[in-house]
Amino acid sequence: MSKFEKSGINTRTEKEGLSLLLRDARFQLVDLFTKRRILELIGITGAFGTQTFDLVFTSAVAPPITLETVDEHFPTLTLIEMKTTKKAIVDQALRGFFFGATEREYAMAKALGPRYCFAFVVLNKTNVYAKPFAVLLNLEEVEQRTKARRVQYQVNFRSDIRAEESSEKEVIVFGEFGDIPLGEPSDLPPA
């Protein structure tokens, strides 16, 4: 499976998770301007962006939260970051749930405490409920369940680099794909 196929599958999985959570009217997907206003209202320093949370959650069903109404509702909002899987997870203990999180998500979760939760969405029906389910956990609860955590760098190269700025020595160009003998590394001649 190529990187692009995996990315497309992950995007579809996230959309399915979002669709599932939005069935509960306490979750709301707010627009970009409302997200920006929420970040202003948080009033804490940090490199938090609009992608640091996916949804907002209210303990009771609330009218639509918009740029015009967010100031009024802000004191009752919990920010939600979704983590979604199609794997079979047995129950709310979430044993074996594997997910990625950014440093920004952890920093915001630490800064907001119980007002920032991760929504662990299980789309598989192979569980004690025989249906998809979700579990909301704040950072303290996530850390209590964490077996291991490691840093992974997500790197984006600049988009303003021109080919002339790179040396031709850095490039390896191969012949036609059919002309390239692809085999196991052990089949290759020594360098």
N, C-alpha and C. Protein backbone atom coordinates (compact mmCIF):
# COMPACT_ATOMS: atom_id res chain seq x y z
N MET A 1 0.85 -1.17 0.00
CA MET A 1 0.00 0.00 0.00
C MET A 1 0.89 1.23 0.00
N SER A 2 0.60 2.16 -0.89
CA SER A 2 1.41 3.37 -0.98
C SER A 2 1.05 4.33 0.15
N LYS A 3 1.93 5.31 0.34
CA LYS A 3 1.72 6.33 1.35
C LYS A 3 0.43 7.10 1.08
N PHE A 4 0.14 7.35 -0.22
CA PHE A 4 -1.06 8.10 -0.59
C PHE A 4 -2.31 7.29 -0.32
N GLU A 5 -2.27 5.98 -0.59
CA GLU A 5 -3.43 5.13 -0.30
C GLU A 5 -3.70 5.10 1.19
N LYS A 6 -2.64 4.97 2.00
CA LYS A 6 -2.80 4.94 3.45
C LYS A 6 -3.37 6.26 3.94
N SER A 7 -2.89 7.37 3.40
CA SER A 7 -3.39 8.69 3.79
C SER A 7 -4.87 8.82 3.46
N GLY A 8 -5.27 8.33 2.29
CA GLY A 8 -6.68 8.37 1.90
C GLY A 8 -7.54 7.54 2.82
N ILE A 9 -7.05 6.37 3.20
CA ILE A 9 -7.78 5.49 4.13
C ILE A 9 -7.90 6.17 5.49
N ASN A 10 -6.81 6.78 5.97
CA ASN A 10 -6.84 7.48 7.25
C ASN A 10 -7.84 8.63 7.23
N THR A 11 -7.88 9.37 6.11
CA THR A 11 -8.83 10.48 5.99
C THR A 11 -10.26 9.97 6.04
N ARG A 12 -10.55 8.88 5.34
CA ARG A 12 -11.90 8.30 5.36
C ARG A 12 -12.25 7.81 6.76
N THR A 13 -11.31 7.21 7.46
CA THR A 13 -11.54 6.73 8.82
C THR A 13 -11.86 7.92 9.73
N GLU A 14 -11.10 9.00 9.61
CA GLU A 14 -11.37 10.19 10.41
C GLU A 14 -12.75 10.75 10.13
N LYS A 15 -13.15 10.78 8.86
CA LYS A 15 -14.48 11.30 8.50
C LYS A 15 -15.58 10.42 9.08
N GLU A 16 -15.37 9.11 9.07
CA GLU A 16 -16.34 8.20 9.68
C GLU A 16 -16.44 8.43 11.17
N GLY A 17 -15.30 8.64 11.83
CA GLY A 17 -15.29 8.94 13.26
C GLY A 17 -16.01 10.24 13.56
N LEU A 18 -15.76 11.25 12.76
CA LEU A 18 -16.42 12.54 12.92
C LEU A 18 -17.92 12.39 12.75
N SER A 19 -18.32 11.68 11.72
CA SER A 19 -19.75 11.45 11.47
C SER A 19 -20.41 10.75 12.65
N LEU A 20 -19.71 9.77 13.22
CA LEU A 20 -20.23 9.04 14.38
C LEU A 20 -20.40 9.97 15.59
N LEU A 21 -19.37 10.75 15.90
CA LEU A 21 -19.47 11.65 17.05
C LEU A 21 -20.58 12.69 16.87
N LEU A 22 -20.74 13.18 15.65
CA LEU A 22 -21.75 14.22 15.41
C LEU A 22 -23.18 13.70 15.52
N ARG A 23 -23.35 12.39 15.64
CA ARG A 23 -24.69 11.84 15.92
C ARG A 23 -25.15 12.23 17.33
N ASP A 24 -24.18 12.52 18.19
CA ASP A 24 -24.48 12.99 19.54
C ASP A 24 -24.46 14.52 19.47
N ALA A 25 -25.61 15.15 19.70
CA ALA A 25 -25.76 16.59 19.51
C ALA A 25 -24.92 17.43 20.48
N ARG A 26 -24.29 16.81 21.45
CA ARG A 26 -23.40 17.56 22.34
C ARG A 26 -22.08 17.90 21.67
N PHE A 27 -21.76 17.20 20.58
CA PHE A 27 -20.56 17.48 19.79
C PHE A 27 -20.95 18.42 18.65
N GLN A 28 -20.09 19.40 18.39
CA GLN A 28 -20.32 20.31 17.27
C GLN A 28 -19.03 20.56 16.52
N LEU A 29 -19.17 20.61 15.20
CA LEU A 29 -18.07 20.97 14.32
C LEU A 29 -18.22 22.46 14.05
N VAL A 30 -17.25 23.25 14.49
CA VAL A 30 -17.35 24.69 14.30
C VAL A 30 -16.46 25.14 13.15
N ASP A 31 -16.81 26.28 12.57
CA ASP A 31 -16.04 26.75 11.42
C ASP A 31 -14.69 27.35 11.86
N LEU A 32 -13.87 27.65 10.87
CA LEU A 32 -12.51 28.13 11.11
C LEU A 32 -12.50 29.43 11.92
N PHE A 33 -13.40 30.35 11.63
CA PHE A 33 -13.42 31.64 12.35
C PHE A 33 -13.80 31.43 13.82
N THR A 34 -14.72 30.51 14.06
CA THR A 34 -15.11 30.21 15.44
C THR A 34 -13.96 29.54 16.18
N LYS A 35 -13.25 28.65 15.50
CA LYS A 35 -12.07 28.02 16.12
C LYS A 35 -11.04 29.07 16.49
N ARG A 36 -10.80 30.01 15.59
CA ARG A 36 -9.83 31.07 15.89
C ARG A 36 -10.26 31.89 17.11
N ARG A 37 -11.55 32.17 17.20
CA ARG A 37 -12.06 32.93 18.35
C ARG A 37 -11.89 32.12 19.63
N ILE A 38 -12.13 30.83 19.57
CA ILE A 38 -11.93 29.97 20.75
C ILE A 38 -10.48 30.05 21.21
N LEU A 39 -9.55 30.02 20.27
CA LEU A 39 -8.13 30.11 20.62
C LEU A 39 -7.83 31.45 21.29
N GLU A 40 -8.46 32.52 20.81
CA GLU A 40 -8.29 33.83 21.46
C GLU A 40 -8.86 33.81 22.87
N LEU A 41 -10.03 33.20 23.04
CA LEU A 41 -10.69 33.18 24.34
C LEU A 41 -9.95 32.32 25.37
N ILE A 42 -9.21 31.33 24.89
CA ILE A 42 -8.46 30.48 25.80
C ILE A 42 -7.51 31.33 26.63
N GLY A 43 -6.89 32.30 25.97
CA GLY A 43 -6.05 33.25 26.69
C GLY A 43 -4.79 32.68 27.28
N ILE A 44 -4.29 31.60 26.75
CA ILE A 44 -3.03 31.04 27.22
C ILE A 44 -2.01 31.12 26.11
N THR A 45 -0.76 31.20 26.48
CA THR A 45 0.27 31.27 25.47
C THR A 45 0.62 29.87 24.99
N GLY A 46 1.02 29.80 23.77
CA GLY A 46 1.41 28.52 23.19
C GLY A 46 1.22 28.57 21.70
N ALA A 47 1.81 27.65 21.01
CA ALA A 47 1.73 27.61 19.56
C ALA A 47 0.52 26.75 19.16
N PHE A 48 -0.64 27.14 19.63
CA PHE A 48 -1.83 26.36 19.34
C PHE A 48 -2.48 26.87 18.06
N GLY A 49 -2.86 25.96 17.21
CA GLY A 49 -3.52 26.33 15.97
C GLY A 49 -4.90 25.72 15.89
N THR A 50 -5.58 26.05 14.82
CA THR A 50 -6.95 25.56 14.64
C THR A 50 -7.00 24.05 14.43
N GLN A 51 -5.87 23.44 14.10
CA GLN A 51 -5.84 21.98 13.92
C GLN A 51 -5.52 21.25 15.22
N THR A 52 -5.40 21.99 16.32
CA THR A 52 -5.09 21.36 17.60
C THR A 52 -6.32 20.73 18.23
N PHE A 53 -7.50 20.99 17.66
CA PHE A 53 -8.72 20.32 18.11
C PHE A 53 -9.67 20.19 16.94
N ASP A 54 -10.53 19.17 17.01
CA ASP A 54 -11.44 18.87 15.90
C ASP A 54 -12.86 19.38 16.13
N LEU A 55 -13.33 19.25 17.36
CA LEU A 55 -14.72 19.55 17.68
C LEU A 55 -14.80 20.29 19.01
N VAL A 56 -16.00 20.76 19.31
CA VAL A 56 -16.28 21.25 20.65
C VAL A 56 -17.39 20.38 21.23
N PHE A 57 -17.41 20.30 22.55
CA PHE A 57 -18.36 19.44 23.26
C PHE A 57 -18.97 20.26 24.39
N THR A 58 -20.27 20.11 24.56
CA THR A 58 -20.97 20.73 25.68
C THR A 58 -21.63 19.61 26.48
N SER A 59 -21.71 19.77 27.79
CA SER A 59 -22.26 18.70 28.63
C SER A 59 -23.75 18.48 28.38
N ALA A 60 -24.44 19.50 27.87
CA ALA A 60 -25.85 19.37 27.48
C ALA A 60 -25.96 19.88 26.05
N VAL A 61 -26.98 19.45 25.34
CA VAL A 61 -27.18 19.90 23.96
C VAL A 61 -27.32 21.42 23.96
N ALA A 62 -26.58 22.08 23.09
CA ALA A 62 -26.59 23.54 22.99
C ALA A 62 -26.96 23.96 21.58
N PRO A 63 -27.47 25.17 21.42
CA PRO A 63 -27.73 25.66 20.06
C PRO A 63 -26.40 25.75 19.30
N PRO A 64 -26.46 25.88 17.98
CA PRO A 64 -25.22 25.93 17.20
C PRO A 64 -24.25 26.99 17.72
N ILE A 65 -23.00 26.58 17.86
CA ILE A 65 -21.97 27.49 18.33
C ILE A 65 -21.32 28.10 17.09
N THR A 66 -21.46 29.40 16.99
CA THR A 66 -20.96 30.15 15.85
C THR A 66 -20.07 31.28 16.35
N LEU A 67 -19.52 32.02 15.42
CA LEU A 67 -18.70 33.17 15.79
C LEU A 67 -19.50 34.15 16.64
N GLU A 68 -20.79 34.26 16.34
CA GLU A 68 -21.65 35.20 17.07
C GLU A 68 -21.99 34.70 18.48
N THR A 69 -21.99 33.41 18.71
CA THR A 69 -22.42 32.86 20.01
C THR A 69 -21.31 32.24 20.85
N VAL A 70 -20.11 32.12 20.29
CA VAL A 70 -19.05 31.39 20.97
C VAL A 70 -18.64 32.03 22.30
N ASP A 71 -18.63 33.36 22.39
CA ASP A 71 -18.23 34.01 23.64
C ASP A 71 -19.16 33.60 24.78
N GLU A 72 -20.44 33.52 24.47
CA GLU A 72 -21.45 33.13 25.47
C GLU A 72 -21.26 31.68 25.91
N HIS A 73 -20.95 30.81 24.97
CA HIS A 73 -20.84 29.38 25.27
C HIS A 73 -19.45 28.95 25.73
N PHE A 74 -18.46 29.79 25.51
CA PHE A 74 -17.08 29.40 25.78
C PHE A 74 -16.86 28.80 27.17
N PRO A 75 -17.43 29.38 28.24
CA PRO A 75 -17.16 28.81 29.57
C PRO A 75 -17.59 27.35 29.74
N THR A 76 -18.49 26.87 28.87
CA THR A 76 -18.97 25.49 29.01
C THR A 76 -18.37 24.54 27.97
N LEU A 77 -17.49 25.04 27.12
CA LEU A 77 -16.94 24.22 26.03
C LEU A 77 -15.77 23.36 26.48
N THR A 78 -15.75 22.13 25.97
CA THR A 78 -14.59 21.25 26.06
C THR A 78 -14.11 21.06 24.63
N LEU A 79 -12.82 21.24 24.40
CA LEU A 79 -12.25 21.02 23.07
C LEU A 79 -11.95 19.54 22.91
N ILE A 80 -12.25 19.03 21.73
CA ILE A 80 -12.13 17.59 21.47
C ILE A 80 -11.16 17.34 20.32
N GLU A 81 -10.20 16.46 20.56
CA GLU A 81 -9.29 15.98 19.52
C GLU A 81 -9.61 14.51 19.30
N MET A 82 -9.98 14.16 18.07
CA MET A 82 -10.38 12.79 17.75
C MET A 82 -9.18 11.90 17.42
N LYS A 83 -9.27 10.67 17.88
CA LYS A 83 -8.34 9.61 17.50
C LYS A 83 -9.23 8.42 17.14
N THR A 84 -9.16 7.98 15.90
CA THR A 84 -10.12 7.00 15.39
C THR A 84 -9.41 5.76 14.88
N THR A 85 -10.04 4.60 15.12
CA THR A 85 -9.50 3.35 14.61
C THR A 85 -10.62 2.46 14.10
N LYS A 86 -10.26 1.59 13.17
CA LYS A 86 -11.18 0.55 12.70
C LYS A 86 -10.80 -0.81 13.31
N LYS A 87 -9.77 -0.82 14.12
CA LYS A 87 -9.34 -2.07 14.75
C LYS A 87 -10.34 -2.50 15.81
N ALA A 88 -10.35 -3.79 16.07
CA ALA A 88 -11.23 -4.33 17.11
C ALA A 88 -10.66 -3.98 18.48
N ILE A 89 -11.35 -3.14 19.19
CA ILE A 89 -11.00 -2.76 20.56
C ILE A 89 -12.14 -3.28 21.43
N VAL A 90 -11.83 -4.09 22.42
CA VAL A 90 -12.84 -4.85 23.16
C VAL A 90 -13.83 -3.99 23.93
N ASP A 91 -13.33 -2.96 24.66
CA ASP A 91 -14.24 -2.20 25.51
C ASP A 91 -13.62 -0.84 25.85
N GLN A 92 -14.24 -0.13 26.79
CA GLN A 92 -13.81 1.22 27.14
C GLN A 92 -12.43 1.29 27.77
N ALA A 93 -11.85 0.17 28.13
CA ALA A 93 -10.46 0.17 28.63
C ALA A 93 -9.49 0.56 27.51
N LEU A 94 -9.91 0.37 26.27
CA LEU A 94 -9.13 0.74 25.08
C LEU A 94 -7.78 0.03 24.99
N ARG A 95 -7.69 -1.17 25.55
CA ARG A 95 -6.44 -1.94 25.49
C ARG A 95 -5.99 -2.09 24.03
N GLY A 96 -4.73 -1.75 23.78
CA GLY A 96 -4.16 -1.91 22.45
C GLY A 96 -4.47 -0.77 21.48
N PHE A 97 -5.16 0.25 21.90
CA PHE A 97 -5.47 1.38 21.01
C PHE A 97 -4.16 2.12 20.75
N PHE A 98 -3.80 2.25 19.48
CA PHE A 98 -2.57 2.94 19.08
C PHE A 98 -2.96 4.22 18.36
N PHE A 99 -2.34 5.34 18.69
CA PHE A 99 -2.68 6.60 18.03
C PHE A 99 -1.47 7.52 18.00
N GLY A 100 -1.53 8.48 17.13
CA GLY A 100 -0.51 9.51 17.04
C GLY A 100 -1.06 10.80 17.61
N ALA A 101 -0.21 11.56 18.24
CA ALA A 101 -0.60 12.86 18.77
C ALA A 101 0.55 13.83 18.60
N THR A 102 0.23 15.09 18.45
CA THR A 102 1.29 16.09 18.27
C THR A 102 1.69 16.70 19.60
N GLU A 103 2.84 17.31 19.59
CA GLU A 103 3.32 18.02 20.78
C GLU A 103 2.34 19.14 21.14
N ARG A 104 1.78 19.79 20.12
CA ARG A 104 0.80 20.86 20.35
C ARG A 104 -0.45 20.34 21.04
N GLU A 105 -0.91 19.17 20.62
CA GLU A 105 -2.10 18.59 21.26
C GLU A 105 -1.83 18.32 22.74
N TYR A 106 -0.67 17.74 23.02
CA TYR A 106 -0.33 17.46 24.42
C TYR A 106 -0.18 18.76 25.22
N ALA A 107 0.44 19.78 24.61
CA ALA A 107 0.62 21.06 25.31
C ALA A 107 -0.73 21.71 25.59
N MET A 108 -1.63 21.69 24.62
CA MET A 108 -2.94 22.28 24.84
C MET A 108 -3.72 21.49 25.88
N ALA A 109 -3.64 20.17 25.81
CA ALA A 109 -4.33 19.32 26.79
C ALA A 109 -3.80 19.60 28.19
N LYS A 110 -2.50 19.80 28.31
CA LYS A 110 -1.91 20.10 29.62
C LYS A 110 -2.37 21.46 30.11
N ALA A 111 -2.41 22.44 29.21
CA ALA A 111 -2.80 23.80 29.59
C ALA A 111 -4.28 23.89 29.97
N LEU A 112 -5.14 23.14 29.28
CA LEU A 112 -6.58 23.24 29.51
C LEU A 112 -7.13 22.22 30.49
N GLY A 113 -6.34 21.22 30.83
CA GLY A 113 -6.81 20.22 31.79
C GLY A 113 -8.08 19.54 31.31
N PRO A 114 -9.11 19.47 32.15
CA PRO A 114 -10.33 18.75 31.78
C PRO A 114 -11.15 19.42 30.67
N ARG A 115 -10.76 20.62 30.26
CA ARG A 115 -11.49 21.29 29.17
C ARG A 115 -10.96 20.89 27.79
N TYR A 116 -10.04 19.94 27.75
CA TYR A 116 -9.52 19.39 26.49
C TYR A 116 -9.52 17.88 26.64
N CYS A 117 -10.24 17.21 25.76
CA CYS A 117 -10.30 15.74 25.82
C CYS A 117 -9.96 15.13 24.47
N PHE A 118 -9.43 13.95 24.54
CA PHE A 118 -9.24 13.13 23.35
C PHE A 118 -10.47 12.23 23.26
N ALA A 119 -11.06 12.16 22.07
CA ALA A 119 -12.18 11.26 21.83
C ALA A 119 -11.62 10.06 21.08
N PHE A 120 -11.56 8.92 21.74
CA PHE A 120 -11.07 7.69 21.13
C PHE A 120 -12.27 6.98 20.51
N VAL A 121 -12.33 7.00 19.18
CA VAL A 121 -13.48 6.48 18.45
C VAL A 121 -13.12 5.13 17.85
N VAL A 122 -13.93 4.13 18.18
CA VAL A 122 -13.73 2.76 17.68
C VAL A 122 -14.85 2.48 16.70
N LEU A 123 -14.50 2.30 15.43
CA LEU A 123 -15.50 2.09 14.38
C LEU A 123 -15.85 0.63 14.19
N ASN A 124 -15.08 -0.28 14.76
CA ASN A 124 -15.29 -1.72 14.63
C ASN A 124 -16.43 -2.17 15.54
N LYS A 125 -17.20 -3.15 15.08
CA LYS A 125 -18.32 -3.68 15.89
C LYS A 125 -17.93 -4.90 16.71
N THR A 126 -16.67 -5.34 16.58
CA THR A 126 -16.22 -6.50 17.34
C THR A 126 -15.79 -6.03 18.72
N ASN A 127 -16.77 -5.86 19.61
CA ASN A 127 -16.51 -5.39 20.97
C ASN A 127 -17.69 -5.78 21.85
N VAL A 128 -17.62 -5.46 23.11
CA VAL A 128 -18.69 -5.85 24.05
C VAL A 128 -20.02 -5.16 23.75
N TYR A 129 -19.99 -4.06 23.01
CA TYR A 129 -21.21 -3.34 22.67
C TYR A 129 -21.83 -3.80 21.34
N ALA A 130 -21.03 -4.51 20.53
CA ALA A 130 -21.41 -4.95 19.19
C ALA A 130 -21.78 -3.76 18.31
N LYS A 131 -21.21 -2.61 18.62
CA LYS A 131 -21.45 -1.37 17.87
C LYS A 131 -20.23 -0.49 18.01
N PRO A 132 -20.06 0.48 17.10
CA PRO A 132 -19.00 1.46 17.30
C PRO A 132 -19.23 2.24 18.59
N PHE A 133 -18.14 2.71 19.20
CA PHE A 133 -18.26 3.48 20.44
C PHE A 133 -17.12 4.48 20.53
N ALA A 134 -17.23 5.39 21.50
CA ALA A 134 -16.18 6.39 21.74
C ALA A 134 -15.99 6.57 23.23
N VAL A 135 -14.77 6.92 23.61
CA VAL A 135 -14.43 7.18 25.00
C VAL A 135 -13.72 8.53 25.05
N LEU A 136 -14.18 9.42 25.94
CA LEU A 136 -13.53 10.71 26.14
C LEU A 136 -12.58 10.63 27.32
N LEU A 137 -11.33 11.04 27.09
CA LEU A 137 -10.32 11.03 28.15
C LEU A 137 -9.55 12.34 28.14
N ASN A 138 -9.32 12.92 29.31
CA ASN A 138 -8.46 14.10 29.37
C ASN A 138 -7.00 13.60 29.43
N LEU A 139 -6.06 14.52 29.39
CA LEU A 139 -4.65 14.13 29.32
C LEU A 139 -4.22 13.29 30.52
N GLU A 140 -4.67 13.64 31.70
CA GLU A 140 -4.30 12.86 32.88
C GLU A 140 -4.75 11.40 32.73
N GLU A 141 -5.95 11.22 32.22
CA GLU A 141 -6.47 9.85 32.02
C GLU A 141 -5.71 9.13 30.91
N VAL A 142 -5.33 9.86 29.86
CA VAL A 142 -4.53 9.27 28.79
C VAL A 142 -3.18 8.82 29.35
N GLU A 143 -2.55 9.66 30.14
CA GLU A 143 -1.24 9.31 30.69
C GLU A 143 -1.30 8.12 31.64
N GLN A 144 -2.39 7.98 32.37
CA GLN A 144 -2.55 6.83 33.27
C GLN A 144 -2.62 5.52 32.48
N ARG A 145 -3.13 5.58 31.27
CA ARG A 145 -3.28 4.38 30.44
C ARG A 145 -2.09 4.13 29.52
N THR A 146 -1.22 5.09 29.37
CA THR A 146 -0.14 5.01 28.39
C THR A 146 0.92 4.00 28.80
N LYS A 147 1.19 3.06 27.90
CA LYS A 147 2.24 2.05 28.12
C LYS A 147 3.58 2.62 27.70
N ALA A 148 3.64 3.23 26.52
CA ALA A 148 4.88 3.79 26.00
C ALA A 148 4.54 4.95 25.08
N ARG A 149 5.46 5.89 25.01
CA ARG A 149 5.28 7.05 24.14
C ARG A 149 6.64 7.37 23.55
N ARG A 150 6.66 7.70 22.26
CA ARG A 150 7.92 8.04 21.61
C ARG A 150 7.70 9.25 20.72
N VAL A 151 8.78 9.97 20.47
CA VAL A 151 8.72 11.14 19.60
C VAL A 151 8.90 10.68 18.17
N GLN A 152 8.10 11.22 17.28
CA GLN A 152 8.23 10.96 15.85
C GLN A 152 8.21 12.31 15.15
N TYR A 153 9.18 12.56 14.31
CA TYR A 153 9.24 13.83 13.60
C TYR A 153 8.40 13.74 12.33
N GLN A 154 7.55 14.70 12.14
CA GLN A 154 6.79 14.86 10.90
C GLN A 154 7.45 16.03 10.18
N VAL A 155 8.06 15.77 9.05
CA VAL A 155 8.87 16.78 8.38
C VAL A 155 8.24 17.18 7.06
N ASN A 156 8.13 18.47 6.84
CA ASN A 156 7.68 19.02 5.55
C ASN A 156 8.82 19.85 5.00
N PHE A 157 9.26 19.53 3.78
CA PHE A 157 10.27 20.36 3.14
C PHE A 157 9.63 21.66 2.68
N ARG A 158 10.44 22.72 2.62
CA ARG A 158 9.95 24.01 2.13
C ARG A 158 9.47 23.87 0.70
N SER A 159 8.48 24.63 0.33
CA SER A 159 7.95 24.55 -1.04
C SER A 159 8.58 25.59 -1.96
N ASP A 160 9.47 26.43 -1.42
CA ASP A 160 10.07 27.48 -2.23
C ASP A 160 11.47 27.12 -2.73
N ILE A 161 11.89 25.89 -2.57
CA ILE A 161 13.22 25.47 -3.03
C ILE A 161 13.15 25.16 -4.52
N ARG A 162 14.13 25.67 -5.26
CA ARG A 162 14.20 25.41 -6.71
C ARG A 162 15.20 24.29 -6.96
N ALA A 163 15.01 23.58 -8.05
CA ALA A 163 15.90 22.47 -8.40
C ALA A 163 17.36 22.94 -8.51
N GLU A 164 17.56 24.18 -8.97
CA GLU A 164 18.92 24.69 -9.14
C GLU A 164 19.66 24.81 -7.81
N GLU A 165 18.92 24.84 -6.71
CA GLU A 165 19.54 24.98 -5.39
C GLU A 165 20.08 23.65 -4.86
N SER A 166 19.79 22.57 -5.55
CA SER A 166 20.26 21.25 -5.15
C SER A 166 21.37 20.80 -6.09
N SER A 167 22.26 20.04 -5.55
CA SER A 167 23.36 19.52 -6.35
C SER A 167 22.90 18.29 -7.13
N GLU A 168 23.38 18.16 -8.35
CA GLU A 168 23.07 16.98 -9.16
C GLU A 168 23.65 15.73 -8.52
N LYS A 169 24.68 15.88 -7.66
CA LYS A 169 25.29 14.74 -6.99
C LYS A 169 24.31 14.08 -6.01
N GLU A 170 23.29 14.83 -5.60
CA GLU A 170 22.31 14.29 -4.65
C GLU A 170 21.27 13.41 -5.31
N VAL A 171 21.24 13.39 -6.64
CA VAL A 171 20.18 12.72 -7.38
C VAL A 171 20.67 11.38 -7.93
N ILE A 172 19.85 10.37 -7.74
CA ILE A 172 20.11 9.06 -8.35
C ILE A 172 18.97 8.82 -9.33
N VAL A 173 19.28 8.67 -10.60
CA VAL A 173 18.27 8.47 -11.62
C VAL A 173 18.42 7.06 -12.17
N PHE A 174 17.32 6.35 -12.23
CA PHE A 174 17.32 4.97 -12.71
C PHE A 174 16.76 4.91 -14.11
N GLY A 175 16.94 3.78 -14.77
CA GLY A 175 16.39 3.58 -16.11
C GLY A 175 14.89 3.36 -16.05
N GLU A 176 14.36 2.80 -17.11
CA GLU A 176 12.93 2.47 -17.14
C GLU A 176 12.64 1.49 -16.03
N PHE A 177 11.45 1.55 -15.48
CA PHE A 177 11.10 0.70 -14.35
C PHE A 177 11.32 -0.78 -14.66
N GLY A 178 10.95 -1.23 -15.85
CA GLY A 178 11.12 -2.64 -16.22
C GLY A 178 12.57 -3.06 -16.34
N ASP A 179 13.46 -2.09 -16.52
CA ASP A 179 14.90 -2.37 -16.66
C ASP A 179 15.59 -2.53 -15.31
N ILE A 180 14.90 -2.19 -14.23
CA ILE A 180 15.52 -2.19 -12.91
C ILE A 180 15.31 -3.55 -12.25
N PRO A 181 16.39 -4.28 -11.96
CA PRO A 181 16.22 -5.58 -11.30
C PRO A 181 15.93 -5.37 -9.81
N LEU A 182 14.66 -5.49 -9.45
CA LEU A 182 14.29 -5.32 -8.05
C LEU A 182 14.26 -6.67 -7.37
N GLY A 183 14.96 -6.80 -6.32
CA GLY A 183 14.99 -8.06 -5.57
C GLY A 183 15.20 -7.77 -4.10
N GLU A 184 15.45 -8.78 -3.37
CA GLU A 184 15.73 -8.63 -1.94
C GLU A 184 17.11 -8.00 -1.78
N PRO A 185 17.32 -7.20 -0.73
CA PRO A 185 18.63 -6.60 -0.52
C PRO A 185 19.77 -7.62 -0.52
N SER A 186 19.51 -8.84 -0.07
CA SER A 186 20.56 -9.87 -0.04
C SER A 186 20.93 -10.33 -1.45
N ASP A 187 20.04 -10.08 -2.43
CA ASP A 187 20.31 -10.47 -3.82
C ASP A 187 21.22 -9.48 -4.53
N LEU A 188 21.38 -8.29 -3.97
CA LEU A 188 22.12 -7.24 -4.63
C LEU A 188 23.62 -7.47 -4.46
N PRO A 189 24.40 -7.05 -5.46
CA PRO A 189 25.86 -7.20 -5.34
C PRO A 189 26.38 -6.27 -4.23
N PRO A 190 27.50 -6.62 -3.62
CA PRO A 190 28.06 -5.75 -2.59
C PRO A 190 28.44 -4.40 -3.18
N ALA A 191 28.34 -3.37 -2.37
CA ALA A 191 28.66 -2.00 -2.84
C ALA A 191 30.13 -1.80 -2.97
